[in-house]
Protein backbone atom coordinates (compact mmCIF):
# COMPACT_ATOMS: atom_id res chain seq x y z
CA UNK A 1 101.15 93.91 100.30
CA UNK A 2 104.03 91.86 101.72
CA UNK A 3 106.44 94.68 100.86
CA UNK A 4 104.26 97.16 102.77
CA UNK A 5 104.19 95.06 105.96
CA UNK A 6 107.94 94.49 105.63
CA UNK A 7 108.61 98.25 105.57
CA UNK A 8 106.31 98.71 108.58
CA UNK A 9 108.30 96.11 110.53
CA UNK A 10 111.55 97.89 109.64
CA UNK A 11 110.09 101.18 110.88
CA UNK A 12 109.02 99.56 114.17
CA UNK A 13 112.57 98.29 114.71
CA UNK A 14 113.88 101.85 114.36
CA UNK A 15 111.14 103.14 116.73
CA UNK A 16 109.57 105.15 113.89
CA UNK A 17 105.79 105.42 113.82
CA UNK A 18 104.01 103.57 111.00
CA UNK A 19 102.17 106.73 109.90
CA UNK A 20 105.45 108.55 109.31
CA UNK A 21 106.66 108.22 105.71
CA UNK A 22 110.26 107.12 105.32
CA UNK A 23 111.74 109.62 102.79
CA UNK A 24 114.63 107.32 101.87
CA UNK A 25 112.35 104.47 100.81
CA UNK A 26 110.06 106.93 99.02
CA UNK A 27 113.10 108.29 97.14
CA UNK A 28 114.20 104.79 96.13
CA UNK A 29 110.65 104.01 94.94
CA UNK A 30 110.49 107.08 92.69
CA UNK A 31 114.11 106.61 91.57
CA UNK A 32 113.36 103.07 90.30
CA UNK A 33 110.28 104.32 88.41
CA UNK A 34 112.28 107.19 86.87
CA UNK A 35 115.09 104.84 85.76
CA UNK A 36 112.55 102.55 84.07
CA UNK A 37 110.96 105.52 82.28
CA UNK A 38 114.35 106.85 81.13
CA UNK A 39 115.42 103.43 79.83
CA UNK A 40 112.13 103.05 77.94
CA UNK A 41 112.55 106.55 76.50
CA UNK A 42 116.08 105.83 75.24
CA UNK A 43 114.93 102.54 73.67
CA UNK A 44 112.22 104.44 71.77
CA UNK A 45 114.70 107.15 70.74
CA UNK A 46 117.13 104.54 69.38
CA UNK A 47 114.33 102.96 67.34
CA UNK A 48 113.52 106.32 65.74
CA UNK A 49 117.15 107.31 65.09
CA UNK A 50 118.35 104.03 63.59
């Protein structure tokens, strides 16, 4: 919840409306999730191989 209000404040500083989604932050959000999934996948693969 704090993160959400923080992003809204950043958008207000840049004169961007709150309803408008910031694509850069959305990209970073999905990128972090994808990295975590890839790391977990490689850990599982190593367990099966070795």
